[in-house]
Amino acid sequence: MKKMLSASLMCADLMNLEKSVRELEKAGIDYLHIDIMDGSFVPNITLGFDFINAVKNITDIPLDVHMMVNEPGRFLNAMKLGADDILCVHHESDIHLQRTLAQIKDKGIKAGLAINPQTAPENMRYLKDYIDMALVMTVSPGFAGQKIFSGAEFKTKHTRELLDEWGCENVPIEVDGNISVENGVKLNRCGADIFVLGTSSLFIKGKDMSESAAKFRAALQEG
């Protein structure tokens, strides 16, 4: 499966967003990762739906929207997403999760399912027919700059094994949280396919994003 890079726009220069997006286009980034936080599911508030729609209007890079909100099904009509985009919701966030995932797919959008560090990958079993991507959180969601949790490698490997066992070999695994080059190489060996890149690997002060992205891709190939 192709290895893909998803740039976390939360870490971009938001005062010069279009400039940053053009640099990410030049760097060959595969997805733009947009975190939506509600101050309830996680103790932080970040970007909103108008932001998503504005980004969608200025680039052809597919969006990778990560909903860290309670009852995400309430907001599906607020976003202008298409067939190349991913809309990811948390297992822990919605008691009617199957319905929400089905609604995402009915809109022609790729459905992602995220699990927190303490959530067992086995919980995805009965939803496997409704997901196009599995997101393994490698930190507790809500804040940038955290250290990767100690079970991240085992959990990523276990998730890959389970997806393959369930006949979901084509469902990619995304990893999100302190994805440095070193951590990315380790998680790649465990079966990760999409890497959310932030301040530890892509948005590095004084460094060109094209060079940083190329360095990350090269490390994956070599590792």
N, C-alpha and C. Protein backbone atom coordinates (compact mmCIF):
# COMPACT_ATOMS: atom_id res chain seq x y z
N MET A 1 0.85 -1.19 0.00
CA MET A 1 0.00 0.00 0.00
C MET A 1 0.89 1.25 0.00
N LYS A 2 0.50 2.24 -0.79
CA LYS A 2 1.29 3.47 -0.88
C LYS A 2 1.35 4.19 0.46
N LYS A 3 2.53 4.68 0.80
CA LYS A 3 2.71 5.47 2.01
C LYS A 3 2.39 6.93 1.71
N MET A 4 1.58 7.54 2.58
CA MET A 4 1.09 8.88 2.30
C MET A 4 1.34 9.81 3.47
N LEU A 5 1.53 11.09 3.15
CA LEU A 5 1.80 12.11 4.16
C LEU A 5 0.61 13.06 4.26
N SER A 6 0.18 13.31 5.50
CA SER A 6 -0.94 14.20 5.77
C SER A 6 -0.44 15.34 6.66
N ALA A 7 -0.45 16.55 6.13
CA ALA A 7 0.10 17.70 6.83
C ALA A 7 -0.92 18.31 7.78
N SER A 8 -0.57 18.43 9.04
CA SER A 8 -1.47 18.97 10.05
C SER A 8 -1.52 20.49 9.96
N LEU A 9 -2.64 21.02 9.48
CA LEU A 9 -2.75 22.47 9.29
C LEU A 9 -2.81 23.21 10.61
N MET A 10 -3.10 22.52 11.71
CA MET A 10 -3.07 23.16 13.01
C MET A 10 -1.67 23.71 13.31
N CYS A 11 -0.66 23.11 12.67
CA CYS A 11 0.73 23.50 12.91
C CYS A 11 1.24 24.51 11.87
N ALA A 12 0.40 24.84 10.90
CA ALA A 12 0.81 25.77 9.84
C ALA A 12 0.74 27.22 10.33
N ASP A 13 1.27 28.11 9.52
CA ASP A 13 1.18 29.55 9.78
C ASP A 13 -0.21 30.01 9.32
N LEU A 14 -1.16 30.07 10.25
CA LEU A 14 -2.54 30.35 9.88
C LEU A 14 -2.73 31.78 9.39
N MET A 15 -1.81 32.68 9.74
CA MET A 15 -1.91 34.05 9.25
C MET A 15 -1.46 34.16 7.79
N ASN A 16 -0.81 33.10 7.32
CA ASN A 16 -0.37 33.05 5.92
C ASN A 16 -0.75 31.68 5.34
N LEU A 17 -2.02 31.31 5.52
CA LEU A 17 -2.46 29.96 5.22
C LEU A 17 -2.28 29.58 3.76
N GLU A 18 -2.69 30.46 2.85
CA GLU A 18 -2.60 30.11 1.44
C GLU A 18 -1.15 29.90 1.01
N LYS A 19 -0.24 30.69 1.56
CA LYS A 19 1.18 30.51 1.27
C LYS A 19 1.65 29.13 1.75
N SER A 20 1.20 28.76 2.94
CA SER A 20 1.58 27.45 3.48
C SER A 20 1.02 26.33 2.62
N VAL A 21 -0.23 26.48 2.16
CA VAL A 21 -0.85 25.45 1.32
C VAL A 21 -0.09 25.31 0.01
N ARG A 22 0.34 26.42 -0.57
CA ARG A 22 1.11 26.35 -1.82
C ARG A 22 2.45 25.63 -1.58
N GLU A 23 3.05 25.84 -0.44
CA GLU A 23 4.31 25.16 -0.12
C GLU A 23 4.06 23.66 0.06
N LEU A 24 2.93 23.31 0.64
CA LEU A 24 2.59 21.90 0.82
C LEU A 24 2.28 21.24 -0.51
N GLU A 25 1.65 21.98 -1.42
CA GLU A 25 1.43 21.45 -2.77
C GLU A 25 2.76 21.16 -3.44
N LYS A 26 3.69 22.09 -3.32
CA LYS A 26 5.02 21.92 -3.92
C LYS A 26 5.74 20.73 -3.31
N ALA A 27 5.49 20.46 -2.03
CA ALA A 27 6.15 19.36 -1.34
C ALA A 27 5.53 18.00 -1.67
N GLY A 28 4.42 18.00 -2.42
CA GLY A 28 3.80 16.75 -2.82
C GLY A 28 3.04 16.06 -1.70
N ILE A 29 2.53 16.86 -0.75
CA ILE A 29 1.77 16.30 0.37
C ILE A 29 0.48 15.65 -0.16
N ASP A 30 0.13 14.51 0.41
CA ASP A 30 -1.02 13.74 -0.08
C ASP A 30 -2.36 14.20 0.49
N TYR A 31 -2.35 14.63 1.76
CA TYR A 31 -3.57 15.09 2.43
C TYR A 31 -3.26 16.32 3.28
N LEU A 32 -4.29 17.13 3.48
CA LEU A 32 -4.22 18.21 4.47
C LEU A 32 -5.07 17.78 5.66
N HIS A 33 -4.43 17.60 6.80
CA HIS A 33 -5.09 17.12 8.01
C HIS A 33 -5.63 18.31 8.80
N ILE A 34 -6.95 18.30 9.03
CA ILE A 34 -7.58 19.40 9.74
C ILE A 34 -8.25 18.87 11.00
N ASP A 35 -7.80 19.34 12.15
CA ASP A 35 -8.35 18.92 13.44
C ASP A 35 -9.51 19.83 13.85
N ILE A 36 -10.63 19.20 14.16
CA ILE A 36 -11.79 19.93 14.67
C ILE A 36 -11.99 19.51 16.12
N MET A 37 -11.89 20.45 17.06
CA MET A 37 -12.02 20.17 18.49
C MET A 37 -13.12 21.05 19.09
N ASP A 38 -13.88 20.48 20.02
CA ASP A 38 -15.05 21.19 20.53
C ASP A 38 -14.94 21.66 21.97
N GLY A 39 -13.81 21.42 22.63
CA GLY A 39 -13.67 21.82 24.03
C GLY A 39 -14.42 20.93 24.98
N SER A 40 -15.02 19.86 24.47
CA SER A 40 -15.79 18.92 25.28
C SER A 40 -15.22 17.51 25.16
N PHE A 41 -15.18 16.99 23.94
CA PHE A 41 -14.56 15.68 23.74
C PHE A 41 -13.07 15.74 24.07
N VAL A 42 -12.45 16.85 23.72
CA VAL A 42 -11.07 17.14 24.12
C VAL A 42 -11.04 18.54 24.73
N PRO A 43 -10.09 18.80 25.64
CA PRO A 43 -10.06 20.09 26.33
C PRO A 43 -9.38 21.19 25.53
N ASN A 44 -9.82 21.38 24.31
CA ASN A 44 -9.22 22.40 23.46
C ASN A 44 -10.23 22.74 22.37
N ILE A 45 -10.11 23.91 21.79
CA ILE A 45 -10.94 24.34 20.68
C ILE A 45 -10.01 24.84 19.58
N THR A 46 -10.20 24.31 18.37
CA THR A 46 -9.29 24.74 17.29
C THR A 46 -10.08 25.22 16.08
N LEU A 47 -9.84 24.58 14.95
CA LEU A 47 -10.37 25.05 13.69
C LEU A 47 -11.84 24.68 13.53
N GLY A 48 -12.54 25.39 12.63
CA GLY A 48 -13.97 25.18 12.47
C GLY A 48 -14.35 24.80 11.05
N PHE A 49 -15.64 24.69 10.83
CA PHE A 49 -16.15 24.20 9.55
C PHE A 49 -15.96 25.23 8.43
N ASP A 50 -16.05 26.51 8.74
CA ASP A 50 -15.78 27.53 7.73
C ASP A 50 -14.33 27.43 7.25
N PHE A 51 -13.45 27.11 8.16
CA PHE A 51 -12.04 26.92 7.80
C PHE A 51 -11.89 25.78 6.81
N ILE A 52 -12.55 24.66 7.09
CA ILE A 52 -12.50 23.50 6.18
C ILE A 52 -12.96 23.90 4.79
N ASN A 53 -14.09 24.57 4.71
CA ASN A 53 -14.65 24.95 3.41
C ASN A 53 -13.77 25.96 2.68
N ALA A 54 -13.12 26.83 3.44
CA ALA A 54 -12.21 27.81 2.82
C ALA A 54 -11.00 27.11 2.23
N VAL A 55 -10.43 26.16 2.96
CA VAL A 55 -9.28 25.41 2.45
C VAL A 55 -9.68 24.61 1.20
N LYS A 56 -10.86 24.03 1.25
CA LYS A 56 -11.34 23.25 0.11
C LYS A 56 -11.41 24.09 -1.15
N ASN A 57 -11.66 25.39 -0.99
CA ASN A 57 -11.81 26.28 -2.15
C ASN A 57 -10.48 26.71 -2.75
N ILE A 58 -9.36 26.50 -2.06
CA ILE A 58 -8.09 27.02 -2.57
C ILE A 58 -7.10 25.95 -2.99
N THR A 59 -7.46 24.66 -2.86
CA THR A 59 -6.49 23.62 -3.22
C THR A 59 -7.19 22.36 -3.68
N ASP A 60 -6.48 21.58 -4.47
CA ASP A 60 -6.98 20.28 -4.91
C ASP A 60 -6.45 19.14 -4.04
N ILE A 61 -5.59 19.45 -3.06
CA ILE A 61 -5.13 18.41 -2.15
C ILE A 61 -6.32 17.90 -1.35
N PRO A 62 -6.55 16.59 -1.31
CA PRO A 62 -7.67 16.07 -0.52
C PRO A 62 -7.53 16.43 0.95
N LEU A 63 -8.67 16.59 1.62
CA LEU A 63 -8.68 16.92 3.04
C LEU A 63 -8.84 15.65 3.87
N ASP A 64 -8.20 15.67 5.02
CA ASP A 64 -8.23 14.58 5.99
C ASP A 64 -8.74 15.21 7.29
N VAL A 65 -10.07 15.21 7.47
CA VAL A 65 -10.69 15.94 8.57
C VAL A 65 -10.84 15.01 9.78
N HIS A 66 -10.28 15.43 10.90
CA HIS A 66 -10.27 14.63 12.13
C HIS A 66 -11.20 15.29 13.14
N MET A 67 -12.36 14.66 13.35
CA MET A 67 -13.39 15.23 14.23
C MET A 67 -13.18 14.77 15.67
N MET A 68 -12.67 15.65 16.50
CA MET A 68 -12.53 15.38 17.93
C MET A 68 -13.64 16.13 18.66
N VAL A 69 -14.88 15.68 18.39
CA VAL A 69 -16.06 16.34 18.94
C VAL A 69 -17.06 15.28 19.39
N ASN A 70 -17.89 15.63 20.34
CA ASN A 70 -18.98 14.76 20.75
C ASN A 70 -20.12 14.81 19.73
N GLU A 71 -20.70 13.66 19.48
CA GLU A 71 -21.82 13.53 18.54
C GLU A 71 -21.50 14.17 17.19
N PRO A 72 -20.48 13.70 16.52
CA PRO A 72 -20.06 14.32 15.26
C PRO A 72 -21.11 14.28 14.16
N GLY A 73 -22.07 13.36 14.25
CA GLY A 73 -23.11 13.27 13.24
C GLY A 73 -23.92 14.54 13.09
N ARG A 74 -23.92 15.38 14.13
CA ARG A 74 -24.67 16.64 14.07
C ARG A 74 -24.11 17.61 13.05
N PHE A 75 -22.85 17.41 12.65
CA PHE A 75 -22.15 18.43 11.87
C PHE A 75 -21.83 18.01 10.45
N LEU A 76 -22.33 16.88 10.00
CA LEU A 76 -21.93 16.36 8.70
C LEU A 76 -22.31 17.29 7.55
N ASN A 77 -23.40 18.01 7.69
CA ASN A 77 -23.83 18.89 6.60
C ASN A 77 -23.10 20.23 6.56
N ALA A 78 -22.24 20.46 7.55
CA ALA A 78 -21.55 21.75 7.63
C ALA A 78 -20.29 21.79 6.77
N MET A 79 -19.89 20.62 6.24
CA MET A 79 -18.63 20.54 5.51
C MET A 79 -18.86 20.17 4.06
N LYS A 80 -18.16 20.85 3.16
CA LYS A 80 -18.28 20.59 1.72
C LYS A 80 -17.14 19.67 1.28
N LEU A 81 -17.30 18.39 1.61
CA LEU A 81 -16.26 17.41 1.30
C LEU A 81 -16.69 16.54 0.14
N GLY A 82 -15.68 15.93 -0.52
CA GLY A 82 -15.96 15.11 -1.70
C GLY A 82 -15.39 13.71 -1.59
N ALA A 83 -15.39 13.01 -2.71
CA ALA A 83 -15.03 11.60 -2.74
C ALA A 83 -13.57 11.34 -2.41
N ASP A 84 -12.70 12.32 -2.62
CA ASP A 84 -11.28 12.13 -2.33
C ASP A 84 -10.93 12.47 -0.88
N ASP A 85 -11.87 13.07 -0.16
CA ASP A 85 -11.62 13.50 1.21
C ASP A 85 -11.95 12.40 2.21
N ILE A 86 -11.35 12.52 3.39
CA ILE A 86 -11.61 11.60 4.49
C ILE A 86 -12.23 12.38 5.64
N LEU A 87 -13.30 11.84 6.21
CA LEU A 87 -13.90 12.42 7.41
C LEU A 87 -13.83 11.37 8.51
N CYS A 88 -13.02 11.64 9.52
CA CYS A 88 -12.72 10.66 10.55
C CYS A 88 -13.38 11.06 11.88
N VAL A 89 -14.11 10.11 12.47
CA VAL A 89 -14.76 10.34 13.76
C VAL A 89 -14.21 9.36 14.78
N HIS A 90 -14.37 9.69 16.05
CA HIS A 90 -13.81 8.87 17.13
C HIS A 90 -14.79 7.82 17.62
N HIS A 91 -14.25 6.63 17.85
CA HIS A 91 -15.06 5.55 18.41
C HIS A 91 -15.70 5.97 19.72
N GLU A 92 -14.99 6.77 20.51
CA GLU A 92 -15.44 7.12 21.85
C GLU A 92 -16.45 8.28 21.86
N SER A 93 -16.73 8.85 20.69
CA SER A 93 -17.46 10.13 20.67
C SER A 93 -18.95 10.02 20.37
N ASP A 94 -19.42 8.83 19.97
CA ASP A 94 -20.77 8.77 19.43
C ASP A 94 -21.41 7.43 19.77
N ILE A 95 -22.52 7.45 20.48
CA ILE A 95 -23.19 6.19 20.83
C ILE A 95 -23.92 5.60 19.63
N HIS A 96 -24.13 6.39 18.59
CA HIS A 96 -24.75 5.90 17.35
C HIS A 96 -23.71 5.92 16.22
N LEU A 97 -22.57 5.32 16.50
CA LEU A 97 -21.42 5.42 15.60
C LEU A 97 -21.67 4.78 14.24
N GLN A 98 -22.33 3.64 14.21
CA GLN A 98 -22.60 2.97 12.94
C GLN A 98 -23.42 3.89 12.03
N ARG A 99 -24.42 4.53 12.60
CA ARG A 99 -25.26 5.44 11.81
C ARG A 99 -24.44 6.61 11.26
N THR A 100 -23.58 7.15 12.09
CA THR A 100 -22.76 8.29 11.65
C THR A 100 -21.82 7.89 10.52
N LEU A 101 -21.16 6.74 10.66
CA LEU A 101 -20.25 6.27 9.60
C LEU A 101 -21.02 6.01 8.32
N ALA A 102 -22.20 5.41 8.44
CA ALA A 102 -23.03 5.15 7.26
C ALA A 102 -23.44 6.45 6.57
N GLN A 103 -23.74 7.48 7.36
CA GLN A 103 -24.13 8.77 6.78
C GLN A 103 -22.96 9.41 6.04
N ILE A 104 -21.77 9.27 6.58
CA ILE A 104 -20.58 9.81 5.90
C ILE A 104 -20.42 9.14 4.54
N LYS A 105 -20.51 7.82 4.53
CA LYS A 105 -20.36 7.08 3.28
C LYS A 105 -21.48 7.39 2.30
N ASP A 106 -22.68 7.58 2.81
CA ASP A 106 -23.81 7.92 1.94
C ASP A 106 -23.60 9.25 1.24
N LYS A 107 -22.80 10.13 1.83
CA LYS A 107 -22.48 11.41 1.22
C LYS A 107 -21.37 11.30 0.19
N GLY A 108 -20.82 10.08 0.02
CA GLY A 108 -19.75 9.88 -0.94
C GLY A 108 -18.39 10.26 -0.43
N ILE A 109 -18.26 10.40 0.89
CA ILE A 109 -16.99 10.76 1.53
C ILE A 109 -16.38 9.51 2.15
N LYS A 110 -15.06 9.42 2.15
CA LYS A 110 -14.39 8.31 2.82
C LYS A 110 -14.56 8.44 4.33
N ALA A 111 -14.92 7.34 4.98
CA ALA A 111 -15.16 7.36 6.43
C ALA A 111 -13.97 6.79 7.17
N GLY A 112 -13.48 7.56 8.14
CA GLY A 112 -12.39 7.11 8.99
C GLY A 112 -12.89 6.89 10.41
N LEU A 113 -12.28 5.92 11.09
CA LEU A 113 -12.61 5.65 12.48
C LEU A 113 -11.35 5.75 13.32
N ALA A 114 -11.38 6.64 14.31
CA ALA A 114 -10.22 6.87 15.18
C ALA A 114 -10.40 6.20 16.52
N ILE A 115 -9.30 5.71 17.08
CA ILE A 115 -9.32 5.13 18.42
C ILE A 115 -8.22 5.75 19.27
N ASN A 116 -8.58 6.12 20.50
CA ASN A 116 -7.64 6.69 21.44
C ASN A 116 -6.65 5.64 21.95
N PRO A 117 -5.57 6.06 22.61
CA PRO A 117 -4.58 5.09 23.09
C PRO A 117 -5.15 3.97 23.96
N GLN A 118 -6.18 4.26 24.76
CA GLN A 118 -6.71 3.24 25.66
C GLN A 118 -7.79 2.37 25.02
N THR A 119 -8.20 2.68 23.80
CA THR A 119 -9.28 1.95 23.14
C THR A 119 -8.73 0.76 22.36
N ALA A 120 -9.29 -0.42 22.57
CA ALA A 120 -8.82 -1.64 21.92
C ALA A 120 -9.20 -1.64 20.43
N PRO A 121 -8.28 -2.02 19.56
CA PRO A 121 -8.60 -2.10 18.13
C PRO A 121 -9.74 -3.07 17.84
N GLU A 122 -9.95 -4.06 18.69
CA GLU A 122 -11.04 -5.02 18.50
C GLU A 122 -12.40 -4.33 18.44
N ASN A 123 -12.51 -3.12 19.01
CA ASN A 123 -13.77 -2.40 19.00
C ASN A 123 -14.22 -1.99 17.59
N MET A 124 -13.31 -2.08 16.63
CA MET A 124 -13.66 -1.73 15.26
C MET A 124 -14.29 -2.89 14.50
N ARG A 125 -14.27 -4.08 15.08
CA ARG A 125 -14.68 -5.29 14.36
C ARG A 125 -16.06 -5.16 13.70
N TYR A 126 -17.05 -4.75 14.45
CA TYR A 126 -18.42 -4.74 13.94
C TYR A 126 -18.74 -3.51 13.08
N LEU A 127 -17.73 -2.65 12.93
CA LEU A 127 -17.90 -1.47 12.08
C LEU A 127 -17.01 -1.53 10.84
N LYS A 128 -16.35 -2.66 10.65
CA LYS A 128 -15.34 -2.78 9.60
C LYS A 128 -15.91 -2.53 8.20
N ASP A 129 -17.17 -2.83 7.99
CA ASP A 129 -17.77 -2.64 6.67
C ASP A 129 -18.10 -1.18 6.38
N TYR A 130 -17.92 -0.32 7.37
CA TYR A 130 -18.30 1.09 7.22
C TYR A 130 -17.09 2.02 7.20
N ILE A 131 -15.88 1.46 7.26
CA ILE A 131 -14.71 2.33 7.35
C ILE A 131 -13.78 2.18 6.15
N ASP A 132 -13.22 3.32 5.75
CA ASP A 132 -12.24 3.36 4.67
C ASP A 132 -10.84 3.65 5.19
N MET A 133 -10.73 3.98 6.47
CA MET A 133 -9.44 4.25 7.11
C MET A 133 -9.57 4.04 8.61
N ALA A 134 -8.50 3.52 9.22
CA ALA A 134 -8.44 3.39 10.67
C ALA A 134 -7.35 4.33 11.18
N LEU A 135 -7.70 5.19 12.12
CA LEU A 135 -6.74 6.14 12.70
C LEU A 135 -6.36 5.68 14.10
N VAL A 136 -5.09 5.34 14.26
CA VAL A 136 -4.56 4.97 15.57
C VAL A 136 -3.90 6.20 16.18
N MET A 137 -4.50 6.73 17.23
CA MET A 137 -3.92 7.88 17.92
C MET A 137 -2.69 7.42 18.70
N THR A 138 -1.57 8.06 18.46
CA THR A 138 -0.34 7.70 19.16
C THR A 138 -0.04 8.64 20.32
N VAL A 139 -0.96 9.58 20.56
CA VAL A 139 -0.99 10.41 21.77
C VAL A 139 -2.46 10.55 22.15
N SER A 140 -2.72 11.02 23.35
CA SER A 140 -4.09 11.36 23.71
C SER A 140 -4.49 12.60 22.93
N PRO A 141 -5.65 12.61 22.29
CA PRO A 141 -6.00 13.71 21.40
C PRO A 141 -6.25 15.02 22.14
N GLY A 142 -5.99 16.12 21.43
CA GLY A 142 -6.34 17.42 21.98
C GLY A 142 -5.26 18.47 21.96
N PHE A 143 -3.98 18.04 21.96
CA PHE A 143 -2.89 19.02 22.02
C PHE A 143 -1.71 18.56 21.18
N ALA A 144 -1.05 19.49 20.53
CA ALA A 144 0.18 19.21 19.80
C ALA A 144 1.35 19.19 20.79
N GLY A 145 2.45 18.57 20.37
CA GLY A 145 3.68 18.61 21.15
C GLY A 145 3.82 17.54 22.22
N GLN A 146 2.92 16.55 22.24
CA GLN A 146 3.02 15.48 23.24
C GLN A 146 4.03 14.41 22.80
N LYS A 147 4.48 13.62 23.75
CA LYS A 147 5.33 12.47 23.45
C LYS A 147 4.46 11.30 23.02
N ILE A 148 4.99 10.48 22.14
CA ILE A 148 4.27 9.30 21.68
C ILE A 148 4.07 8.33 22.84
N PHE A 149 2.91 7.64 22.89
CA PHE A 149 2.67 6.75 24.02
C PHE A 149 3.38 5.41 23.81
N SER A 150 3.73 4.77 24.90
CA SER A 150 4.65 3.63 24.84
C SER A 150 4.11 2.43 24.07
N GLY A 151 2.81 2.29 23.97
CA GLY A 151 2.23 1.14 23.27
C GLY A 151 1.91 1.38 21.82
N ALA A 152 2.37 2.49 21.25
CA ALA A 152 1.96 2.88 19.90
C ALA A 152 2.37 1.86 18.84
N GLU A 153 3.58 1.34 18.94
CA GLU A 153 4.05 0.38 17.93
C GLU A 153 3.25 -0.91 18.00
N PHE A 154 3.10 -1.46 19.19
CA PHE A 154 2.34 -2.70 19.33
C PHE A 154 0.91 -2.52 18.86
N LYS A 155 0.31 -1.39 19.22
CA LYS A 155 -1.10 -1.16 18.86
C LYS A 155 -1.26 -1.03 17.35
N THR A 156 -0.35 -0.34 16.69
CA THR A 156 -0.41 -0.21 15.24
C THR A 156 -0.28 -1.58 14.57
N LYS A 157 0.67 -2.36 15.04
CA LYS A 157 0.88 -3.71 14.49
C LYS A 157 -0.36 -4.59 14.71
N HIS A 158 -0.92 -4.51 15.92
CA HIS A 158 -2.11 -5.30 16.25
C HIS A 158 -3.30 -4.89 15.39
N THR A 159 -3.45 -3.59 15.16
CA THR A 159 -4.54 -3.10 14.32
C THR A 159 -4.39 -3.62 12.90
N ARG A 160 -3.17 -3.61 12.37
CA ARG A 160 -2.94 -4.14 11.02
C ARG A 160 -3.29 -5.62 10.94
N GLU A 161 -2.88 -6.36 11.94
CA GLU A 161 -3.17 -7.80 11.97
C GLU A 161 -4.67 -8.06 11.99
N LEU A 162 -5.40 -7.30 12.79
CA LEU A 162 -6.84 -7.49 12.89
C LEU A 162 -7.55 -7.11 11.60
N LEU A 163 -7.18 -5.99 11.01
CA LEU A 163 -7.81 -5.58 9.76
C LEU A 163 -7.59 -6.64 8.67
N ASP A 164 -6.38 -7.17 8.60
CA ASP A 164 -6.09 -8.21 7.62
C ASP A 164 -6.93 -9.46 7.90
N GLU A 165 -7.04 -9.81 9.17
CA GLU A 165 -7.83 -10.98 9.58
C GLU A 165 -9.30 -10.82 9.19
N TRP A 166 -9.79 -9.59 9.25
CA TRP A 166 -11.20 -9.31 8.95
C TRP A 166 -11.45 -9.12 7.46
N GLY A 167 -10.44 -9.29 6.64
CA GLY A 167 -10.60 -9.08 5.21
C GLY A 167 -10.52 -7.63 4.78
N CYS A 168 -9.92 -6.80 5.62
CA CYS A 168 -9.82 -5.35 5.35
C CYS A 168 -8.38 -4.98 4.99
N GLU A 169 -7.75 -5.79 4.14
CA GLU A 169 -6.35 -5.54 3.79
C GLU A 169 -6.14 -4.19 3.11
N ASN A 170 -7.18 -3.69 2.45
CA ASN A 170 -7.07 -2.43 1.72
C ASN A 170 -7.43 -1.21 2.55
N VAL A 171 -7.78 -1.40 3.81
CA VAL A 171 -8.07 -0.27 4.70
C VAL A 171 -6.75 0.24 5.27
N PRO A 172 -6.34 1.46 4.95
CA PRO A 172 -5.07 1.97 5.46
C PRO A 172 -5.16 2.37 6.93
N ILE A 173 -4.01 2.34 7.59
CA ILE A 173 -3.91 2.82 8.96
C ILE A 173 -3.19 4.16 8.96
N GLU A 174 -3.83 5.13 9.60
CA GLU A 174 -3.21 6.44 9.80
C GLU A 174 -2.72 6.53 11.23
N VAL A 175 -1.58 7.17 11.43
CA VAL A 175 -1.05 7.39 12.77
C VAL A 175 -0.90 8.89 12.99
N ASP A 176 -1.25 9.33 14.20
CA ASP A 176 -1.32 10.76 14.48
C ASP A 176 -0.85 11.02 15.91
N GLY A 177 0.21 11.82 16.04
CA GLY A 177 0.71 12.22 17.35
C GLY A 177 2.20 12.01 17.48
N ASN A 178 2.98 13.09 17.45
CA ASN A 178 4.44 13.03 17.58
C ASN A 178 5.07 12.11 16.53
N ILE A 179 4.65 12.30 15.27
CA ILE A 179 5.19 11.47 14.20
C ILE A 179 6.47 12.13 13.67
N SER A 180 7.53 11.97 14.41
CA SER A 180 8.85 12.39 13.98
C SER A 180 9.36 11.41 12.92
N VAL A 181 10.48 11.72 12.31
CA VAL A 181 11.06 10.78 11.34
C VAL A 181 11.34 9.45 12.01
N GLU A 182 11.94 9.48 13.18
CA GLU A 182 12.27 8.25 13.90
C GLU A 182 11.01 7.44 14.23
N ASN A 183 10.00 8.10 14.77
CA ASN A 183 8.77 7.40 15.12
C ASN A 183 8.04 6.92 13.87
N GLY A 184 8.09 7.71 12.81
CA GLY A 184 7.46 7.31 11.56
C GLY A 184 8.05 6.03 11.00
N VAL A 185 9.36 5.91 11.05
CA VAL A 185 10.02 4.70 10.56
C VAL A 185 9.57 3.49 11.38
N LYS A 186 9.51 3.62 12.68
CA LYS A 186 9.10 2.52 13.55
C LYS A 186 7.66 2.11 13.26
N LEU A 187 6.77 3.09 13.12
CA LEU A 187 5.36 2.79 12.88
C LEU A 187 5.13 2.26 11.47
N ASN A 188 5.96 2.67 10.53
CA ASN A 188 5.89 2.13 9.18
C ASN A 188 6.15 0.63 9.21
N ARG A 189 7.12 0.22 9.98
CA ARG A 189 7.42 -1.21 10.11
C ARG A 189 6.26 -1.98 10.73
N CYS A 190 5.41 -1.29 11.48
CA CYS A 190 4.28 -1.92 12.16
C CYS A 190 3.01 -1.93 11.32
N GLY A 191 3.08 -1.33 10.13
CA GLY A 191 1.93 -1.37 9.24
C GLY A 191 1.22 -0.06 9.01
N ALA A 192 1.76 1.05 9.48
CA ALA A 192 1.14 2.35 9.23
C ALA A 192 1.27 2.73 7.76
N ASP A 193 0.26 3.44 7.25
CA ASP A 193 0.24 3.82 5.83
C ASP A 193 0.17 5.33 5.62
N ILE A 194 -0.54 6.04 6.51
CA ILE A 194 -0.71 7.49 6.40
C ILE A 194 -0.13 8.11 7.66
N PHE A 195 0.71 9.11 7.49
CA PHE A 195 1.43 9.71 8.61
C PHE A 195 1.06 11.18 8.74
N VAL A 196 0.47 11.54 9.89
CA VAL A 196 0.11 12.93 10.14
C VAL A 196 1.35 13.66 10.64
N LEU A 197 1.79 14.65 9.88
CA LEU A 197 3.04 15.34 10.17
C LEU A 197 2.77 16.74 10.70
N GLY A 198 3.45 17.06 11.80
CA GLY A 198 3.30 18.38 12.41
C GLY A 198 4.64 19.01 12.70
N THR A 199 4.79 19.52 13.92
CA THR A 199 5.99 20.29 14.27
C THR A 199 7.24 19.42 14.44
N SER A 200 7.07 18.11 14.60
CA SER A 200 8.24 17.27 14.82
C SER A 200 8.87 16.76 13.52
N SER A 201 8.22 17.04 12.38
CA SER A 201 8.77 16.48 11.15
C SER A 201 8.57 17.33 9.90
N LEU A 202 7.57 18.21 9.87
CA LEU A 202 7.27 18.96 8.65
C LEU A 202 7.29 20.46 8.85
N PHE A 203 6.58 20.95 9.84
CA PHE A 203 6.51 22.39 10.10
C PHE A 203 7.62 22.77 11.08
N ILE A 204 8.83 22.80 10.55
CA ILE A 204 10.01 23.05 11.38
C ILE A 204 10.55 24.44 11.03
N LYS A 205 10.65 25.27 12.04
CA LYS A 205 11.08 26.66 11.81
C LYS A 205 12.43 26.71 11.12
N GLY A 206 12.48 27.47 10.03
CA GLY A 206 13.73 27.66 9.31
C GLY A 206 14.06 26.57 8.31
N LYS A 207 13.16 25.56 8.16
CA LYS A 207 13.41 24.48 7.22
C LYS A 207 12.35 24.46 6.13
N ASP A 208 12.79 24.13 4.93
CA ASP A 208 11.89 24.06 3.78
C ASP A 208 11.01 22.82 3.89
N MET A 209 9.70 22.99 3.69
CA MET A 209 8.78 21.86 3.85
C MET A 209 8.99 20.79 2.79
N SER A 210 9.39 21.18 1.61
CA SER A 210 9.67 20.18 0.56
C SER A 210 10.82 19.29 0.97
N GLU A 211 11.86 19.88 1.55
CA GLU A 211 13.00 19.10 2.01
C GLU A 211 12.62 18.19 3.17
N SER A 212 11.80 18.71 4.09
CA SER A 212 11.38 17.91 5.24
C SER A 212 10.52 16.73 4.80
N ALA A 213 9.61 16.97 3.85
CA ALA A 213 8.76 15.89 3.35
C ALA A 213 9.59 14.84 2.62
N ALA A 214 10.54 15.30 1.81
CA ALA A 214 11.40 14.36 1.09
C ALA A 214 12.24 13.53 2.06
N LYS A 215 12.72 14.16 3.12
CA LYS A 215 13.49 13.44 4.14
C LYS A 215 12.64 12.36 4.80
N PHE A 216 11.39 12.68 5.09
CA PHE A 216 10.51 11.71 5.75
C PHE A 216 10.23 10.54 4.81
N ARG A 217 9.93 10.83 3.55
CA ARG A 217 9.67 9.75 2.59
C ARG A 217 10.88 8.86 2.41
N ALA A 218 12.05 9.47 2.32
CA ALA A 218 13.28 8.69 2.14
C ALA A 218 13.54 7.79 3.33
N ALA A 219 13.27 8.29 4.53
CA ALA A 219 13.47 7.49 5.74
C ALA A 219 12.54 6.28 5.75
N LEU A 220 11.29 6.45 5.30
CA LEU A 220 10.36 5.34 5.23
C LEU A 220 10.86 4.26 4.27
N GLN A 221 11.39 4.70 3.15
CA GLN A 221 11.89 3.75 2.15
C GLN A 221 13.12 3.00 2.66
N GLU A 222 13.98 3.73 3.34
CA GLU A 222 15.21 3.12 3.84
C GLU A 222 14.97 2.24 5.05
N GLY A 223 13.94 2.63 5.86
CA GLY A 223 13.71 1.92 7.12
C GLY A 223 12.92 0.65 6.99
